[in-house]
Amino acid sequence: MRRMEPQTESLVQFRRLIYEHYRLHGRALPWRLTWDPYCVFVSEIMLQQTQVGRVLEKYGEFIGAFPGFPALAGAPLARVLRFWQGLGYNRRALWLKEGAIAVMERFSGSLPRPPEVLATLPGIGPATAASIAAFAFNEPTVFIETNIRTVFIHFFFHNADEVRDSQIRPLVARTLDRSDPRTWYYALMDYGTMLKKEGEKGHRRSALPHAVAVSRVRPPGSGGDPQAPRREDCPSRGRPDRSGPFA
């Protein structure tokens, strides 16, 4: 059965609903309190295949130990791995260090803005490059991650199974708030988190293997390296603006 294309009015209502939920329930995660490209770069690599609760435990320690590209590029790999411990998939720590070296050597210490250039850095594929561009530079990129996938399956593919990202991507593009993609993606992710907490299994109706559709969210636990220097976040821009265009 062919899915009917949503009309413009429905898309406006959809965006209004997502923003209203974010206004009331948006998460003030530490990597959202800064637009520092380095901090966004670190957080997006950490969030690959690792849930938010675990990243919350380690993010401040890691940024405190390696506060910028020069510090990370020059650090011994063994020390980087020590502060990465607990996040899993240790190859990502190597990618972070190699990425920092590439930024220092190829881009004079400044993270490049174009997603196609970001995707040339170690461990960064097209989706991560697009998310870094959106969150660090507010670029109107189009990407899908597990919570975004859950939201679109929930609203636009009610009875469908084996939903492919190629079916979702045009809707992500059509609903994108190009005036503020950063906040829009925050709002989408938080709505997807809420759906999963309420038992929505939309990600299981994705055509992707379940092992790929890993939730980014779990309650934060205890732990962390007690010897690590701590820092709440990168240079803060204050509390996030949760209003959106419909406030």
C-alpha atoms as a PDB file:
ATOM      1  CA  MET A   1       0.000   0.000   0.000  1.00  0.00           C
ATOM      2  CA  ARG A   2       1.415   3.356  -0.994  1.00  0.00           C
ATOM      3  CA  ARG A   3       1.899   5.878   1.786  1.00  0.00           C
ATOM      4  CA  MET A   4       0.047   9.151   1.220  1.00  0.00           C
ATOM      5  CA  GLU A   5       2.259  12.209   1.211  1.00  0.00           C
ATOM      6  CA  PRO A   6       1.559  14.553   4.136  1.00  0.00           C
ATOM      7  CA  GLN A   7       0.171  17.927   3.165  1.00  0.00           C
ATOM      8  CA  THR A   8       1.772  21.249   4.072  1.00  0.00           C
ATOM      9  CA  GLU A   9      -0.714  21.933   6.879  1.00  0.00           C
ATOM     10  CA  SER A  10       0.041  18.558   8.449  1.00  0.00           C
ATOM     11  CA  LEU A  11       3.767  19.248   8.315  1.00  0.00           C
ATOM     12  CA  VAL A  12       3.262  22.622  10.026  1.00  0.00           C
ATOM     13  CA  GLN A  13       1.220  20.946  12.770  1.00  0.00           C
ATOM     14  CA  PHE A  14       3.880  18.274  13.123  1.00  0.00           C
ATOM     15  CA  ARG A  15       6.602  20.869  13.569  1.00  0.00           C
ATOM     16  CA  ARG A  16       4.469  22.807  16.051  1.00  0.00           C
ATOM     17  CA  LEU A  17       3.925  19.667  18.145  1.00  0.00           C
ATOM     18  CA  ILE A  18       7.617  18.784  18.191  1.00  0.00           C
ATOM     19  CA  TYR A  19       8.637  22.291  19.207  1.00  0.00           C
ATOM     20  CA  GLU A  20       5.970  22.506  21.908  1.00  0.00           C
ATOM     21  CA  HIS A  21       7.225  19.317  23.506  1.00  0.00           C
ATOM     22  CA  TYR A  22      10.787  20.640  23.363  1.00  0.00           C
ATOM     23  CA  ARG A  23       9.742  23.944  24.934  1.00  0.00           C
ATOM     24  CA  LEU A  24       8.281  22.054  27.890  1.00  0.00           C
ATOM     25  CA  HIS A  25      10.592  19.052  28.167  1.00  0.00           C
ATOM     26  CA  GLY A  26      13.805  19.739  26.234  1.00  0.00           C
ATOM     27  CA  ARG A  27      16.997  18.366  27.785  1.00  0.00           C
ATOM     28  CA  ALA A  28      19.767  20.806  28.719  1.00  0.00           C
ATOM     29  CA  LEU A  29      22.577  18.397  27.879  1.00  0.00           C
ATOM     30  CA  PRO A  30      26.062  19.886  28.408  1.00  0.00           C
ATOM     31  CA  TRP A  31      27.077  19.629  24.752  1.00  0.00           C
ATOM     32  CA  ARG A  32      23.964  21.627  23.878  1.00  0.00           C
ATOM     33  CA  LEU A  33      25.065  24.502  26.086  1.00  0.00           C
ATOM     34  CA  THR A  34      27.930  25.378  23.762  1.00  0.00           C
ATOM     35  CA  TRP A  35      28.430  25.893  20.056  1.00  0.00           C
ATOM     36  CA  ASP A  36      32.161  25.283  20.343  1.00  0.00           C
ATOM     37  CA  PRO A  37      32.923  23.074  17.309  1.00  0.00           C
ATOM     38  CA  TYR A  38      35.488  21.020  19.236  1.00  0.00           C
ATOM     39  CA  CYS A  39      32.987  20.124  21.953  1.00  0.00           C
ATOM     40  CA  VAL A  40      30.341  19.219  19.393  1.00  0.00           C
ATOM     41  CA  PHE A  41      32.899  17.087  17.549  1.00  0.00           C
ATOM     42  CA  VAL A  42      33.793  15.187  20.744  1.00  0.00           C
ATOM     43  CA  SER A  43      30.177  14.697  21.819  1.00  0.00           C
ATOM     44  CA  GLU A  44      29.004  13.411  18.438  1.00  0.00           C
ATOM     45  CA  ILE A  45      31.784  10.821  18.307  1.00  0.00           C
ATOM     46  CA  MET A  46      30.988   9.785  21.879  1.00  0.00           C
ATOM     47  CA  LEU A  47      27.287   9.412  21.054  1.00  0.00           C
ATOM     48  CA  GLN A  48      27.969   6.955  18.253  1.00  0.00           C
ATOM     49  CA  GLN A  49      26.649   3.634  19.596  1.00  0.00           C
ATOM     50  CA  THR A  50      26.785   4.873  23.204  1.00  0.00           C
ATOM     51  CA  GLN A  51      23.782   5.938  25.248  1.00  0.00           C
ATOM     52  CA  VAL A  52      23.381   9.453  26.590  1.00  0.00           C
ATOM     53  CA  GLY A  53      23.613   8.435  30.241  1.00  0.00           C
ATOM     54  CA  ARG A  54      27.057   6.930  29.775  1.00  0.00           C
ATOM     55  CA  VAL A  55      28.268   9.942  27.749  1.00  0.00           C
ATOM     56  CA  LEU A  56      27.051  12.280  30.499  1.00  0.00           C
ATOM     57  CA  GLU A  57      29.338  10.449  32.910  1.00  0.00           C
ATOM     58  CA  LYS A  58      32.429  10.854  30.733  1.00  0.00           C
ATOM     59  CA  TYR A  59      32.000  14.004  28.623  1.00  0.00           C
ATOM     60  CA  GLY A  60      33.008  16.590  31.249  1.00  0.00           C
ATOM     61  CA  GLU A  61      36.041  14.573  32.322  1.00  0.00           C
ATOM     62  CA  PHE A  62      37.227  14.161  28.747  1.00  0.00           C
ATOM     63  CA  ILE A  63      36.794  17.849  27.869  1.00  0.00           C
ATOM     64  CA  GLY A  64      38.577  18.803  31.096  1.00  0.00           C
ATOM     65  CA  ALA A  65      41.523  16.586  30.209  1.00  0.00           C
ATOM     66  CA  PHE A  66      41.636  17.594  26.526  1.00  0.00           C
ATOM     67  CA  PRO A  67      40.056  21.064  26.229  1.00  0.00           C
ATOM     68  CA  GLY A  68      40.722  21.594  22.521  1.00  0.00           C
ATOM     69  CA  PHE A  69      42.147  20.173  19.318  1.00  0.00           C
ATOM     70  CA  PRO A  70      45.793  21.013  20.244  1.00  0.00           C
ATOM     71  CA  ALA A  71      45.574  19.196  23.589  1.00  0.00           C
ATOM     72  CA  LEU A  72      43.895  16.117  22.099  1.00  0.00           C
ATOM     73  CA  ALA A  73      46.215  15.970  19.098  1.00  0.00           C
ATOM     74  CA  GLY A  74      49.294  16.139  21.316  1.00  0.00           C
ATOM     75  CA  ALA A  75      48.144  13.724  24.015  1.00  0.00           C
ATOM     76  CA  PRO A  76      49.571  10.191  24.247  1.00  0.00           C
ATOM     77  CA  LEU A  77      47.064   7.651  22.974  1.00  0.00           C
ATOM     78  CA  ALA A  78      47.276   5.723  26.250  1.00  0.00           C
ATOM     79  CA  ARG A  79      46.065   8.798  28.153  1.00  0.00           C
ATOM     80  CA  VAL A  80      43.224   9.379  25.694  1.00  0.00           C
ATOM     81  CA  LEU A  81      42.155   5.762  26.141  1.00  0.00           C
ATOM     82  CA  ARG A  82      42.254   6.124  29.912  1.00  0.00           C
ATOM     83  CA  PHE A  83      39.770   8.977  29.835  1.00  0.00           C
ATOM     84  CA  TRP A  84      37.699   7.158  27.224  1.00  0.00           C
ATOM     85  CA  GLN A  85      37.399   4.066  29.399  1.00  0.00           C
ATOM     86  CA  GLY A  86      33.761   3.129  29.994  1.00  0.00           C
ATOM     87  CA  LEU A  87      32.440   4.417  26.673  1.00  0.00           C
ATOM     88  CA  GLY A  88      33.245   1.239  24.738  1.00  0.00           C
ATOM     89  CA  TYR A  89      34.248   0.863  21.087  1.00  0.00           C
ATOM     90  CA  ASN A  90      37.750   2.158  21.850  1.00  0.00           C
ATOM     91  CA  ARG A  91      38.505   2.605  18.156  1.00  0.00           C
ATOM     92  CA  ARG A  92      36.470   5.826  18.424  1.00  0.00           C
ATOM     93  CA  ALA A  93      39.033   7.249  20.858  1.00  0.00           C
ATOM     94  CA  LEU A  94      41.714   6.605  18.263  1.00  0.00           C
ATOM     95  CA  TRP A  95      39.539   8.275  15.628  1.00  0.00           C
ATOM     96  CA  LEU A  96      39.080  11.308  17.894  1.00  0.00           C
ATOM     97  CA  LYS A  97      42.817  11.690  18.352  1.00  0.00           C
ATOM     98  CA  GLU A  98      43.538  11.121  14.647  1.00  0.00           C
ATOM     99  CA  GLY A  99      40.756  13.575  13.791  1.00  0.00           C
ATOM    100  CA  ALA A 100      42.285  16.199  16.073  1.00  0.00           C
ATOM    101  CA  ILE A 101      45.670  15.701  14.410  1.00  0.00           C
ATOM    102  CA  ALA A 102      44.037  16.086  10.979  1.00  0.00           C
ATOM    103  CA  VAL A 103      42.296  19.298  12.076  1.00  0.00           C
ATOM    104  CA  MET A 104      45.586  20.728  13.328  1.00  0.00           C
ATOM    105  CA  GLU A 105      47.596  19.701  10.265  1.00  0.00           C
ATOM    106  CA  ARG A 106      45.065  20.188   7.472  1.00  0.00           C
ATOM    107  CA  PHE A 107      42.803  22.966   8.767  1.00  0.00           C
ATOM    108  CA  SER A 108      45.057  25.081  11.016  1.00  0.00           C
ATOM    109  CA  GLY A 109      43.229  23.974  14.161  1.00  0.00           C
ATOM    110  CA  SER A 110      39.716  24.950  13.046  1.00  0.00           C
ATOM    111  CA  LEU A 111      37.076  22.302  12.424  1.00  0.00           C
ATOM    112  CA  PRO A 112      35.924  22.528   8.794  1.00  0.00           C
ATOM    113  CA  ARG A 113      32.309  23.513   8.189  1.00  0.00           C
ATOM    114  CA  PRO A 114      31.226  21.640   5.008  1.00  0.00           C
ATOM    115  CA  PRO A 115      29.841  18.154   5.752  1.00  0.00           C
ATOM    116  CA  GLU A 116      31.644  16.681   2.767  1.00  0.00           C
ATOM    117  CA  VAL A 117      34.952  17.844   4.263  1.00  0.00           C
ATOM    118  CA  LEU A 118      34.043  16.702   7.773  1.00  0.00           C
ATOM    119  CA  ALA A 119      33.368  13.255   6.316  1.00  0.00           C
ATOM    120  CA  THR A 120      37.050  12.970   5.346  1.00  0.00           C
ATOM    121  CA  LEU A 121      38.063  12.913   9.029  1.00  0.00           C
ATOM    122  CA  PRO A 122      38.705   9.514  10.652  1.00  0.00           C
ATOM    123  CA  GLY A 123      35.597   7.720  11.906  1.00  0.00           C
ATOM    124  CA  ILE A 124      33.145  10.284  10.539  1.00  0.00           C
ATOM    125  CA  GLY A 125      30.612   9.072   8.010  1.00  0.00           C
ATOM    126  CA  PRO A 126      28.030  11.170   6.153  1.00  0.00           C
ATOM    127  CA  ALA A 127      25.432  11.120   8.957  1.00  0.00           C
ATOM    128  CA  THR A 128      27.887  12.138  11.680  1.00  0.00           C
ATOM    129  CA  ALA A 129      29.369  14.805   9.404  1.00  0.00           C
ATOM    130  CA  ALA A 130      25.875  16.209   8.823  1.00  0.00           C
ATOM    131  CA  SER A 131      25.045  16.192  12.549  1.00  0.00           C
ATOM    132  CA  ILE A 132      28.307  17.946  13.446  1.00  0.00           C
ATOM    133  CA  ALA A 133      27.621  20.607  10.798  1.00  0.00           C
ATOM    134  CA  ALA A 134      24.094  21.116  12.147  1.00  0.00           C
ATOM    135  CA  PHE A 135      25.043  21.333  15.820  1.00  0.00           C
ATOM    136  CA  ALA A 136      28.368  23.177  15.526  1.00  0.00           C
ATOM    137  CA  PHE A 137      27.518  25.555  12.681  1.00  0.00           C
ATOM    138  CA  ASN A 138      23.687  25.471  12.435  1.00  0.00           C
ATOM    139  CA  GLU A 139      23.939  24.193   8.877  1.00  0.00           C
ATOM    140  CA  PRO A 140      20.615  22.925   7.397  1.00  0.00           C
ATOM    141  CA  THR A 141      21.871  19.415   6.752  1.00  0.00           C
ATOM    142  CA  VAL A 142      19.647  16.341   6.473  1.00  0.00           C
ATOM    143  CA  PHE A 143      20.502  13.304   8.565  1.00  0.00           C
ATOM    144  CA  ILE A 144      18.800  10.447  10.415  1.00  0.00           C
ATOM    145  CA  GLU A 145      19.688   8.859  13.733  1.00  0.00           C
ATOM    146  CA  THR A 146      17.720   6.416  15.858  1.00  0.00           C
ATOM    147  CA  ASN A 147      15.491   8.903  17.730  1.00  0.00           C
ATOM    148  CA  ILE A 148      14.750  10.892  14.577  1.00  0.00           C
ATOM    149  CA  ARG A 149      13.916   7.623  12.833  1.00  0.00           C
ATOM    150  CA  THR A 150      11.493   6.709  15.632  1.00  0.00           C
ATOM    151  CA  VAL A 151       9.665  10.051  15.368  1.00  0.00           C
ATOM    152  CA  PHE A 152       9.088   9.830  11.622  1.00  0.00           C
ATOM    153  CA  ILE A 153       8.023   6.199  11.683  1.00  0.00           C
ATOM    154  CA  HIS A 154       5.604   7.014  14.521  1.00  0.00           C
ATOM    155  CA  PHE A 155       3.943   9.921  12.702  1.00  0.00           C
ATOM    156  CA  PHE A 156       4.136   8.991   9.030  1.00  0.00           C
ATOM    157  CA  PHE A 157       4.379   5.182   8.778  1.00  0.00           C
ATOM    158  CA  HIS A 158       1.677   3.994  11.179  1.00  0.00           C
ATOM    159  CA  ASN A 159       1.140   0.474   9.833  1.00  0.00           C
ATOM    160  CA  ALA A 160       4.290  -0.007   7.809  1.00  0.00           C
ATOM    161  CA  ASP A 161       7.080  -2.485   8.430  1.00  0.00           C
ATOM    162  CA  GLU A 162      10.597  -2.525   7.029  1.00  0.00           C
ATOM    163  CA  VAL A 163      10.661   1.267   6.661  1.00  0.00           C
ATOM    164  CA  ARG A 164      13.813   2.355   4.875  1.00  0.00           C
ATOM    165  CA  ASP A 165      15.787   5.491   5.580  1.00  0.00           C
ATOM    166  CA  SER A 166      15.378   6.363   1.912  1.00  0.00           C
ATOM    167  CA  GLN A 167      11.639   6.700   2.643  1.00  0.00           C
ATOM    168  CA  ILE A 168      12.217   8.805   5.759  1.00  0.00           C
ATOM    169  CA  ARG A 169      14.875  11.155   4.397  1.00  0.00           C
ATOM    170  CA  PRO A 170      12.558  13.202   2.123  1.00  0.00           C
ATOM    171  CA  LEU A 171      10.287  13.875   5.093  1.00  0.00           C
ATOM    172  CA  VAL A 172      13.245  14.947   7.232  1.00  0.00           C
ATOM    173  CA  ALA A 173      14.192  17.373   4.463  1.00  0.00           C
ATOM    174  CA  ARG A 174      10.632  18.712   4.067  1.00  0.00           C
ATOM    175  CA  THR A 175      10.095  19.324   7.767  1.00  0.00           C
ATOM    176  CA  LEU A 176      13.561  20.744   8.467  1.00  0.00           C
ATOM    177  CA  ASP A 177      13.494  24.194  10.084  1.00  0.00           C
ATOM    178  CA  ARG A 178      16.148  25.777   7.907  1.00  0.00           C
ATOM    179  CA  SER A 179      16.132  28.935  10.010  1.00  0.00           C
ATOM    180  CA  ASP A 180      17.342  26.978  13.058  1.00  0.00           C
ATOM    181  CA  PRO A 181      18.219  23.368  12.211  1.00  0.00           C
ATOM    182  CA  ARG A 182      20.226  22.958  15.398  1.00  0.00           C
ATOM    183  CA  THR A 183      17.213  23.494  17.683  1.00  0.00           C
ATOM    184  CA  TRP A 184      14.938  21.513  15.385  1.00  0.00           C
ATOM    185  CA  TYR A 185      17.126  18.439  15.581  1.00  0.00           C
ATOM    186  CA  TYR A 186      17.400  18.787  19.366  1.00  0.00           C
ATOM    187  CA  ALA A 187      13.601  18.869  19.509  1.00  0.00           C
ATOM    188  CA  LEU A 188      13.208  15.842  17.229  1.00  0.00           C
ATOM    189  CA  MET A 189      15.670  13.783  19.254  1.00  0.00           C
ATOM    190  CA  ASP A 190      13.980  14.643  22.533  1.00  0.00           C
ATOM    191  CA  TYR A 191      10.571  13.743  21.139  1.00  0.00           C
ATOM    192  CA  GLY A 192      11.982  10.412  19.968  1.00  0.00           C
ATOM    193  CA  THR A 193      13.399   9.829  23.442  1.00  0.00           C
ATOM    194  CA  MET A 194       9.958  10.439  24.937  1.00  0.00           C
ATOM    195  CA  LEU A 195       8.322   8.025  22.482  1.00  0.00           C
ATOM    196  CA  LYS A 196      10.767   5.275  23.398  1.00  0.00           C
ATOM    197  CA  LYS A 197      10.216   5.816  27.112  1.00  0.00           C
ATOM    198  CA  GLU A 198       6.483   5.408  26.461  1.00  0.00           C
ATOM    199  CA  GLY A 199       7.078   2.134  24.660  1.00  0.00           C
ATOM    200  CA  GLU A 200       7.133   3.214  21.018  1.00  0.00           C
ATOM    201  CA  LYS A 201       8.907   0.554  18.945  1.00  0.00           C
ATOM    202  CA  GLY A 202       9.159   2.541  15.737  1.00  0.00           C
ATOM    203  CA  HIS A 203      12.884   1.900  15.433  1.00  0.00           C
ATOM    204  CA  ARG A 204      12.083  -1.825  15.311  1.00  0.00           C
ATOM    205  CA  ARG A 205       9.994  -1.238  12.203  1.00  0.00           C
ATOM    206  CA  SER A 206      13.027   0.206  10.472  1.00  0.00           C
ATOM    207  CA  ALA A 207      14.596  -1.801   7.673  1.00  0.00           C
ATOM    208  CA  LEU A 208      17.933  -1.431   9.479  1.00  0.00           C
ATOM    209  CA  PRO A 209      19.175  -4.321  11.631  1.00  0.00           C
ATOM    210  CA  HIS A 210      18.172  -3.824  15.268  1.00  0.00           C
ATOM    211  CA  ALA A 211      21.830  -3.772  16.258  1.00  0.00           C
ATOM    212  CA  VAL A 212      22.224  -0.535  14.306  1.00  0.00           C
ATOM    213  CA  ALA A 213      19.144   1.141  15.758  1.00  0.00           C
ATOM    214  CA  VAL A 214      20.653   1.605  19.215  1.00  0.00           C
ATOM    215  CA  SER A 215      18.875   3.975  21.579  1.00  0.00           C
ATOM    216  CA  ARG A 216      20.985   6.913  22.688  1.00  0.00           C
ATOM    217  CA  VAL A 217      19.156   7.266  25.990  1.00  0.00           C
ATOM    218  CA  ARG A 218      19.283   5.571  29.357  1.00  0.00           C
ATOM    219  CA  PRO A 219      19.191   6.956  32.903  1.00  0.00           C
ATOM    220  CA  PRO A 220      22.629   8.225  33.932  1.00  0.00           C
ATOM    221  CA  GLY A 221      24.437   5.940  36.344  1.00  0.00           C
ATOM    222  CA  SER A 222      27.328   6.344  38.683  1.00  0.00           C
ATOM    223  CA  GLY A 223      30.982   5.943  37.885  1.00  0.00           C
ATOM    224  CA  GLY A 224      33.645   7.892  36.100  1.00  0.00           C
ATOM    225  CA  ASP A 225      37.324   8.370  36.778  1.00  0.00           C
ATOM    226  CA  PRO A 226      37.653  10.044  40.206  1.00  0.00           C
ATOM    227  CA  GLN A 227      41.161  11.251  39.306  1.00  0.00           C
ATOM    228  CA  ALA A 228      40.080  12.967  36.122  1.00  0.00           C
ATOM    229  CA  PRO A 229      39.807  16.764  36.083  1.00  0.00           C
ATOM    230  CA  ARG A 230      36.141  17.711  35.755  1.00  0.00           C
ATOM    231  CA  ARG A 231      34.522  20.447  33.726  1.00  0.00           C
ATOM    232  CA  GLU A 232      30.812  20.910  33.221  1.00  0.00           C
ATOM    233  CA  ASP A 233      30.993  21.788  29.549  1.00  0.00           C
ATOM    234  CA  CYS A 234      32.809  23.823  26.922  1.00  0.00           C
ATOM    235  CA  PRO A 235      32.472  27.643  26.847  1.00  0.00           C
ATOM    236  CA  SER A 236      28.794  28.071  27.638  1.00  0.00           C
ATOM    237  CA  ARG A 237      26.290  30.112  25.679  1.00  0.00           C
ATOM    238  CA  GLY A 238      23.806  29.924  28.575  1.00  0.00           C
ATOM    239  CA  ARG A 239      20.554  28.030  28.705  1.00  0.00           C
ATOM    240  CA  PRO A 240      19.278  26.731  25.356  1.00  0.00           C
ATOM    241  CA  ASP A 241      16.504  28.593  23.562  1.00  0.00           C
ATOM    242  CA  ARG A 242      13.636  26.115  23.499  1.00  0.00           C
ATOM    243  CA  SER A 243      11.043  28.386  21.986  1.00  0.00           C
ATOM    244  CA  GLY A 244      11.163  27.446  18.308  1.00  0.00           C
ATOM    245  CA  PRO A 245       9.182  29.466  15.756  1.00  0.00           C
ATOM    246  CA  PHE A 246       5.749  28.697  17.278  1.00  0.00           C
ATOM    247  CA  ALA A 247       6.218  30.014  20.796  1.00  0.00           C
END
